[in-house]
Amino acid sequence: MRGNVSRLLGEFDPELPLERASTIPSSWYTAPEVYQLERDVVFAQTWQIVGRRDQVAQPGQYLTADIAGEPILVIRGDDGTLRGFFNVCRHRAARLCTTECGTVTKLRCHYHGWTYDLRGQLRGVPEFDGVDNFRREENGLPPIAVAEWGPFVGVHLTPPRQPLADFIAPLRLWAENEQPFDGLKWYARKTYDLACNWKVYVDNYLDGGYHVNTVHPALADSLDYSHYQTTCRGYTVVQSAPTKPAPGDVGRTRTGRAAYWWLYPNFMINSYAGVMDTNWVLPLGVDRCRVIFDFYFAENLPDDFRQQSIAVAEQVQAEDIGVCEEVQRNLHSRSYTTGRFSVKRENGGYHFHQLLGRQLQAPTQAEFSSPI
């Protein structure tokens, strides 16, 4: 298996200039060996946005997430400190919290009743008398790094090489200058399961608007495509364009300057005047992924506006699902191995492939660095 992975990884050169570059090969979207490597190297060794700050604002509030099959728990302690743990009981590996979010006074496993306090220390061990060489203080929940930024909460499953603020530096500077979160409040969440590799969805997002005119005709009416720009910085890509008057719900809800931020490897922020949604892409398997949308709005916007805006997003998502699932099916074709990039439009997609290729090909995570 290792030899096969090395062969597959060697089929992509992330150092070529854009005008000479090809995409990562189709096997990277279909091979189980590559997917397993991504779980261990990419998702376990990058900062992952896993939820909202308001979900864990008060002591005892928690949120849960699954990052490429790894169950995660983030909880606000009774001392006010935010902590991250693996959502796995030390006894028989059952989950401690089984709902998306909530409030608790302790963490109690629903399987055998082992109990941990909000700091992850093991407190209750039913019917465990007579067990030799067992110490409660050595069987607390293993911690993971956690950080807050803006309305978001992020975790890092392995010891991070850099703090979250540095990892997201270009995105952080944009937020400091533009204040895009000011006055926005979370409104709703929608979840979609797709029959495609997670990278297919990211590729589609990062193609510099190349597919907007053909796949999203209603959205295209509201974007000034002639001024669509894509800028790659560090672990981020921002695509932006002015909006223009358009008919219907799209014209009403998509105003101001559109900004589409992507954070490596799987988080997106879509921002308009008074409107923001985030997309979180979670691998479920080599050919499946889940996309979670959180919708935010300015508090003074009426409810009918919010519903119209969500309907616009759902229409765009339905159009994207169709093309992404079609691409995944066709990646198995013997006629296709790699494709070329539009120099004018697809620098964002190549930046993603460079980051991914460099991380997967690096002998150690310490040797992986981002182009600035």
Protein backbone atom coordinates (compact mmCIF):
# COMPACT_ATOMS: atom_id res chain seq x y z
CA MET A 1 0.00 0.00 0.00
CA ARG A 2 2.79 2.45 0.86
CA GLY A 3 4.43 1.87 -2.51
CA ASN A 4 1.16 2.50 -4.30
CA VAL A 5 0.59 5.74 -2.37
CA SER A 6 4.09 6.94 -3.23
CA ARG A 7 3.47 6.19 -6.88
CA LEU A 8 0.16 8.06 -6.86
CA LEU A 9 1.63 11.07 -5.06
CA GLY A 10 4.52 11.22 -7.51
CA GLU A 11 2.11 11.83 -10.38
CA PHE A 12 1.67 15.51 -9.44
CA ASP A 13 4.25 18.31 -9.43
CA PRO A 14 3.15 21.25 -7.24
CA GLU A 15 6.14 23.38 -8.24
CA LEU A 16 5.24 23.97 -11.89
CA PRO A 17 4.08 27.47 -12.85
CA LEU A 18 0.36 27.80 -13.46
CA GLU A 19 0.69 28.06 -17.23
CA ARG A 20 2.42 24.66 -17.34
CA ALA A 21 0.59 22.93 -14.51
CA SER A 22 -1.96 20.13 -14.60
CA THR A 23 -4.46 19.19 -11.92
CA ILE A 24 -3.90 16.49 -9.35
CA PRO A 25 -4.63 13.14 -11.03
CA SER A 26 -8.05 11.50 -10.98
CA SER A 27 -6.70 8.72 -8.74
CA TRP A 28 -6.37 11.24 -5.88
CA TYR A 29 -10.16 11.52 -5.91
CA THR A 30 -10.88 7.79 -6.11
CA ALA A 31 -8.10 5.86 -4.32
CA PRO A 32 -8.82 4.75 -0.74
CA GLU A 33 -5.09 4.98 0.05
CA VAL A 34 -5.03 8.71 -0.74
CA TYR A 35 -8.18 9.30 1.30
CA GLN A 36 -6.63 7.55 4.32
CA LEU A 37 -3.48 9.63 3.97
CA GLU A 38 -5.57 12.82 3.84
CA ARG A 39 -7.30 11.84 7.09
CA ASP A 40 -3.96 11.34 8.83
CA VAL A 41 -1.97 14.20 7.28
CA VAL A 42 -4.36 16.90 6.07
CA PHE A 43 -7.32 16.87 8.44
CA ALA A 44 -5.40 15.82 11.54
CA GLN A 45 -2.64 18.36 10.91
CA THR A 46 -4.46 21.57 9.99
CA TRP A 47 -6.71 23.91 11.91
CA GLN A 48 -10.35 22.91 11.47
CA ILE A 49 -13.29 25.26 12.00
CA VAL A 50 -15.81 23.08 13.84
CA GLY A 51 -18.57 25.34 15.10
CA ARG A 52 -19.77 28.69 16.34
CA ARG A 53 -18.66 30.65 19.35
CA ASP A 54 -22.25 31.21 20.47
CA GLN A 55 -22.70 27.43 20.83
CA VAL A 56 -20.10 27.34 23.63
CA ALA A 57 -20.48 30.78 25.21
CA GLN A 58 -21.58 29.65 28.70
CA PRO A 59 -20.10 27.14 31.17
CA GLY A 60 -21.26 23.63 30.35
CA GLN A 61 -22.17 24.41 26.74
CA TYR A 62 -20.63 22.02 24.23
CA LEU A 63 -20.52 21.27 20.52
CA THR A 64 -19.52 18.09 18.72
CA ALA A 65 -18.11 17.43 15.28
CA ASP A 66 -16.66 14.66 13.16
CA ILE A 67 -13.50 15.54 11.26
CA ALA A 68 -12.82 12.89 8.63
CA GLY A 69 -14.09 10.21 11.03
CA GLU A 70 -12.51 11.64 14.20
CA PRO A 71 -15.14 12.53 16.86
CA ILE A 72 -14.47 15.89 18.53
CA LEU A 73 -15.94 17.61 21.58
CA VAL A 74 -15.50 21.29 22.49
CA ILE A 75 -16.84 22.46 25.84
CA ARG A 76 -16.77 25.60 27.99
CA GLY A 77 -15.50 24.67 31.45
CA ASP A 78 -16.99 25.83 34.73
CA ASP A 79 -13.90 28.06 34.99
CA GLY A 80 -14.81 29.77 31.70
CA THR A 81 -12.00 28.11 29.74
CA LEU A 82 -12.78 26.60 26.35
CA ARG A 83 -11.35 23.09 25.96
CA GLY A 84 -11.24 20.51 23.21
CA PHE A 85 -11.25 16.72 23.62
CA PHE A 86 -11.71 13.62 21.57
CA ASN A 87 -15.34 12.65 22.06
CA VAL A 88 -14.35 9.11 23.04
CA CYS A 89 -14.71 7.44 26.44
CA ARG A 90 -11.49 5.89 27.75
CA HIS A 91 -13.29 2.67 28.70
CA ARG A 92 -14.85 1.22 25.52
CA ALA A 93 -14.67 4.14 23.07
CA ALA A 94 -18.34 5.15 23.15
CA ARG A 95 -19.17 8.82 22.62
CA LEU A 96 -19.63 11.07 25.60
CA CYS A 97 -21.90 13.64 23.94
CA THR A 98 -24.20 12.28 21.26
CA THR A 99 -25.98 15.45 20.12
CA GLU A 100 -24.69 18.32 17.99
CA CYS A 101 -24.65 20.77 20.87
CA GLY A 102 -26.15 21.28 24.33
CA THR A 103 -25.42 22.03 27.97
CA VAL A 104 -24.18 19.61 30.65
CA THR A 105 -22.79 19.74 34.19
CA LYS A 106 -20.58 16.70 33.61
CA LEU A 107 -19.59 14.36 30.79
CA ARG A 108 -21.17 10.96 31.32
CA CYS A 109 -20.69 8.09 28.88
CA HIS A 110 -24.05 6.60 27.91
CA TYR A 111 -22.52 3.12 27.58
CA HIS A 112 -21.11 2.19 31.01
CA GLY A 113 -21.59 5.43 32.90
CA TRP A 114 -17.99 6.60 33.23
CA THR A 115 -18.06 10.27 34.23
CA TYR A 116 -15.66 13.14 33.54
CA ASP A 117 -15.76 16.71 34.76
CA LEU A 118 -15.82 19.68 32.38
CA ARG A 119 -12.01 19.78 32.46
CA GLY A 120 -11.81 16.22 31.13
CA GLN A 121 -10.71 14.62 34.40
CA LEU A 122 -12.11 11.17 35.13
CA ARG A 123 -14.35 11.31 38.22
CA GLY A 124 -16.79 8.39 38.24
CA VAL A 125 -15.87 4.75 37.47
CA PRO A 126 -18.79 2.45 38.39
CA GLU A 127 -18.00 -1.03 39.70
CA PHE A 128 -14.25 -0.85 39.10
CA ASP A 129 -13.00 -2.02 42.49
CA GLY A 130 -10.19 -4.55 42.38
CA VAL A 131 -8.70 -3.42 39.06
CA ASP A 132 -4.92 -3.41 39.41
CA ASN A 133 -2.64 -0.71 38.05
CA PHE A 134 -5.46 1.68 37.20
CA ARG A 135 -5.26 5.36 38.14
CA ARG A 136 -8.12 7.76 37.46
CA GLU A 137 -5.75 10.68 37.00
CA GLU A 138 -4.09 8.83 34.10
CA ASN A 139 -7.36 8.14 32.31
CA GLY A 140 -8.77 11.59 31.69
CA LEU A 141 -9.78 12.76 28.23
CA PRO A 142 -6.82 13.52 25.93
CA PRO A 143 -6.96 17.24 25.12
CA ILE A 144 -6.75 18.83 21.69
CA ALA A 145 -5.86 22.41 20.79
CA VAL A 146 -8.82 24.78 20.52
CA ALA A 147 -9.06 28.46 19.60
CA GLU A 148 -11.70 31.11 18.96
CA TRP A 149 -11.75 33.68 16.17
CA GLY A 150 -14.60 35.95 15.14
CA PRO A 151 -17.83 33.94 15.44
CA PHE A 152 -15.96 30.65 14.95
CA VAL A 153 -14.31 27.89 16.98
CA GLY A 154 -11.38 25.91 15.59
CA VAL A 155 -9.53 22.78 16.72
CA HIS A 156 -6.25 21.10 15.79
CA LEU A 157 -6.10 17.33 16.34
CA THR A 158 -2.32 17.22 16.64
CA PRO A 159 0.05 19.74 18.26
CA PRO A 160 -0.24 22.82 15.99
CA ARG A 161 2.81 24.29 14.30
CA GLN A 162 1.27 27.76 14.50
CA PRO A 163 -1.65 29.42 16.29
CA LEU A 164 -4.99 29.73 14.52
CA ALA A 165 -4.52 33.50 14.15
CA ASP A 166 -1.37 32.93 12.07
CA PHE A 167 -2.88 30.12 10.02
CA ILE A 168 -5.75 32.36 8.93
CA ALA A 169 -3.65 35.57 8.71
CA PRO A 170 -4.97 36.97 5.38
CA LEU A 171 -8.55 36.18 6.39
CA ARG A 172 -7.98 37.78 9.78
CA LEU A 173 -6.60 40.97 8.20
CA TRP A 174 -9.63 41.17 5.90
CA ALA A 175 -11.96 40.85 8.86
CA GLU A 176 -10.07 43.55 10.78
CA ASN A 177 -10.29 45.94 7.82
CA GLU A 178 -13.79 45.18 6.54
CA GLN A 179 -15.56 44.21 9.80
CA PRO A 180 -17.72 41.66 7.92
CA PHE A 181 -19.08 40.01 11.09
CA ASP A 182 -20.33 43.18 12.74
CA GLY A 183 -24.08 43.17 13.29
CA LEU A 184 -24.50 39.64 11.93
CA LYS A 185 -26.30 36.93 13.86
CA TRP A 186 -26.56 33.22 13.14
CA TYR A 187 -29.98 32.28 11.78
CA ALA A 188 -30.12 28.72 10.41
CA ARG A 189 -28.15 25.62 9.41
CA LYS A 190 -28.65 23.27 6.48
CA THR A 191 -26.75 20.07 5.71
CA TYR A 192 -26.21 18.34 2.38
CA ASP A 193 -24.68 14.93 1.66
CA LEU A 194 -22.96 14.63 -1.73
CA ALA A 195 -21.78 11.59 -3.69
CA CYS A 196 -18.37 13.07 -4.44
CA ASN A 197 -14.91 13.36 -2.96
CA TRP A 198 -14.48 16.43 -0.76
CA LYS A 199 -11.85 17.84 -3.14
CA VAL A 200 -14.32 17.90 -6.04
CA TYR A 201 -16.49 20.29 -4.04
CA VAL A 202 -13.49 22.48 -3.16
CA ASP A 203 -12.32 22.50 -6.80
CA ASN A 204 -15.75 23.69 -7.88
CA TYR A 205 -15.69 26.48 -5.29
CA LEU A 206 -12.22 27.68 -6.31
CA ASP A 207 -12.49 27.87 -10.09
CA GLY A 208 -12.53 31.67 -10.13
CA GLY A 209 -16.13 31.95 -11.23
CA TYR A 210 -15.34 29.89 -14.35
CA HIS A 211 -18.55 27.87 -13.98
CA VAL A 212 -20.87 30.63 -12.76
CA ASN A 213 -22.25 31.66 -16.16
CA THR A 214 -22.99 28.09 -17.22
CA VAL A 215 -24.03 26.43 -13.94
CA HIS A 216 -25.53 29.36 -11.98
CA PRO A 217 -27.37 31.61 -14.47
CA ALA A 218 -29.42 33.44 -11.81
CA LEU A 219 -26.37 34.18 -9.68
CA ALA A 220 -24.45 35.25 -12.77
CA ASP A 221 -27.01 38.00 -13.35
CA SER A 222 -26.00 39.62 -10.04
CA LEU A 223 -22.19 39.43 -10.38
CA ASP A 224 -20.00 41.73 -12.46
CA TYR A 225 -18.02 38.87 -13.96
CA SER A 226 -15.70 41.20 -15.87
CA HIS A 227 -14.29 42.39 -12.52
CA TYR A 228 -14.16 38.96 -10.82
CA GLN A 229 -10.79 38.60 -9.08
CA THR A 230 -9.02 35.72 -7.34
CA THR A 231 -6.15 36.29 -4.89
CA CYS A 232 -4.14 33.52 -3.21
CA ARG A 233 -2.40 34.23 0.09
CA GLY A 234 -0.97 31.65 2.49
CA TYR A 235 -3.59 29.09 3.36
CA THR A 236 -6.41 31.18 1.90
CA VAL A 237 -7.98 32.17 -1.40
CA VAL A 238 -10.38 35.08 -1.82
CA GLN A 239 -12.61 35.49 -4.86
CA SER A 240 -14.42 38.80 -5.12
CA ALA A 241 -16.58 40.79 -7.49
CA PRO A 242 -18.91 43.77 -7.41
CA THR A 243 -22.60 42.94 -7.59
CA LYS A 244 -24.99 44.59 -10.01
CA PRO A 245 -28.78 45.01 -10.13
CA ALA A 246 -30.54 41.76 -10.95
CA PRO A 247 -34.15 40.55 -10.94
CA GLY A 248 -35.87 38.45 -8.30
CA ASP A 249 -34.57 37.10 -5.02
CA VAL A 250 -30.96 37.08 -6.23
CA GLY A 251 -31.03 40.78 -6.94
CA ARG A 252 -32.66 41.56 -3.62
CA THR A 253 -30.37 39.44 -1.42
CA ARG A 254 -27.00 39.67 -3.22
CA THR A 255 -25.82 43.28 -3.00
CA GLY A 256 -22.62 45.10 -2.13
CA ARG A 257 -19.29 43.48 -2.93
CA ALA A 258 -19.26 39.69 -3.03
CA ALA A 259 -16.34 38.10 -1.19
CA TYR A 260 -15.80 34.34 -1.23
CA TRP A 261 -13.07 33.27 1.20
CA TRP A 262 -11.65 29.74 1.33
CA LEU A 263 -9.47 28.48 4.19
CA TYR A 264 -7.37 25.39 3.55
CA PRO A 265 -8.48 22.71 3.35
CA ASN A 266 -12.28 22.76 3.71
CA PHE A 267 -13.89 25.95 5.07
CA MET A 268 -15.54 28.79 3.12
CA ILE A 269 -17.10 32.16 3.96
CA ASN A 270 -19.46 33.83 1.47
CA SER A 271 -20.13 37.48 2.23
CA TYR A 272 -22.47 40.14 0.80
CA ALA A 273 -24.01 43.27 2.30
CA GLY A 274 -25.79 42.12 5.49
CA VAL A 275 -25.56 38.46 4.45
CA MET A 276 -23.01 35.74 5.18
CA ASP A 277 -22.99 32.00 4.97
CA THR A 278 -20.24 29.53 5.75
CA ASN A 279 -19.64 26.17 4.08
CA TRP A 280 -17.85 23.41 5.95
CA VAL A 281 -16.89 20.38 3.82
CA LEU A 282 -16.48 17.14 5.76
CA PRO A 283 -15.14 13.93 4.15
CA LEU A 284 -17.37 10.90 4.73
CA GLY A 285 -15.43 8.52 2.49
CA VAL A 286 -13.39 8.52 -0.66
CA ASP A 287 -16.48 9.32 -2.75
CA ARG A 288 -18.77 11.03 -0.21
CA CYS A 289 -18.77 14.29 1.66
CA ARG A 290 -21.08 16.41 3.78
CA VAL A 291 -21.42 20.17 3.35
CA ILE A 292 -22.77 22.14 6.32
CA PHE A 293 -24.12 25.65 5.65
CA ASP A 294 -24.54 28.17 8.47
CA PHE A 295 -26.51 31.30 7.55
CA TYR A 296 -25.93 34.69 9.20
CA PHE A 297 -27.84 37.94 8.66
CA ALA A 298 -27.86 41.52 9.85
CA GLU A 299 -30.32 41.72 12.71
CA ASN A 300 -32.43 44.42 11.06
CA LEU A 301 -33.25 42.32 8.00
CA PRO A 302 -36.85 41.00 7.83
CA ASP A 303 -37.59 37.29 7.98
CA ASP A 304 -38.87 37.12 4.40
CA PHE A 305 -35.52 38.49 3.19
CA ARG A 306 -33.69 35.78 5.13
CA GLN A 307 -35.87 33.04 3.69
CA GLN A 308 -35.36 34.38 0.17
CA SER A 309 -31.60 34.52 0.71
CA ILE A 310 -31.51 30.91 1.93
CA ALA A 311 -33.60 29.86 -1.08
CA VAL A 312 -31.04 31.49 -3.38
CA ALA A 313 -28.23 29.61 -1.61
CA GLU A 314 -30.14 26.33 -1.85
CA GLN A 315 -30.65 26.80 -5.59
CA VAL A 316 -26.93 27.42 -6.08
CA GLN A 317 -26.14 24.39 -3.93
CA ALA A 318 -28.51 22.17 -5.94
CA GLU A 319 -26.76 23.26 -9.13
CA ASP A 320 -23.34 22.58 -7.61
CA ILE A 321 -24.38 19.16 -6.31
CA GLY A 322 -25.44 18.08 -9.79
CA VAL A 323 -22.14 18.99 -11.43
CA CYS A 324 -19.95 17.75 -8.54
CA GLU A 325 -21.57 14.33 -8.49
CA GLU A 326 -21.28 14.10 -12.27
CA VAL A 327 -17.56 14.92 -12.08
CA GLN A 328 -17.00 12.26 -9.40
CA ARG A 329 -18.62 9.58 -11.57
CA ASN A 330 -16.56 10.58 -14.58
CA LEU A 331 -13.27 10.66 -12.70
CA HIS A 332 -13.39 6.86 -13.01
CA SER A 333 -13.35 7.09 -16.81
CA ARG A 334 -10.32 5.57 -18.50
CA SER A 335 -10.36 8.63 -20.79
CA TYR A 336 -9.42 11.10 -18.04
CA THR A 337 -6.34 11.43 -15.85
CA THR A 338 -5.61 15.14 -15.42
CA GLY A 339 -6.82 18.48 -16.76
CA ARG A 340 -5.23 21.87 -17.36
CA PHE A 341 -5.95 25.18 -15.62
CA SER A 342 -7.30 28.40 -17.04
CA VAL A 343 -4.50 30.88 -16.30
CA LYS A 344 -7.05 33.70 -16.24
CA ARG A 345 -9.52 32.04 -13.87
CA GLU A 346 -8.21 28.99 -12.03
CA ASN A 347 -5.22 30.17 -10.00
CA GLY A 348 -7.25 29.51 -6.82
CA GLY A 349 -7.81 25.88 -7.72
CA TYR A 350 -4.14 25.40 -8.47
CA HIS A 351 -3.20 27.03 -5.17
CA PHE A 352 -5.35 24.40 -3.43
CA HIS A 353 -3.68 21.60 -5.37
CA GLN A 354 -0.23 22.99 -4.54
CA LEU A 355 -1.00 23.16 -0.83
CA LEU A 356 -2.45 19.65 -0.85
CA GLY A 357 0.34 18.19 -2.95
CA ARG A 358 3.07 19.72 -0.81
CA GLN A 359 1.46 18.51 2.40
CA LEU A 360 0.90 14.96 1.18
CA GLN A 361 4.36 14.72 -0.35
CA ALA A 362 6.25 16.21 2.63
CA PRO A 363 8.24 13.55 4.53
CA THR A 364 7.17 15.21 7.80
CA GLN A 365 4.56 17.82 8.66
CA ALA A 366 7.33 20.11 9.92
CA GLU A 367 8.66 20.32 6.36
CA PHE A 368 5.28 21.43 4.94
CA SER A 369 5.10 25.15 4.36
CA SER A 370 2.60 27.42 2.67
CA PRO A 371 3.43 29.62 -0.33
CA ILE A 372 2.66 33.27 0.49
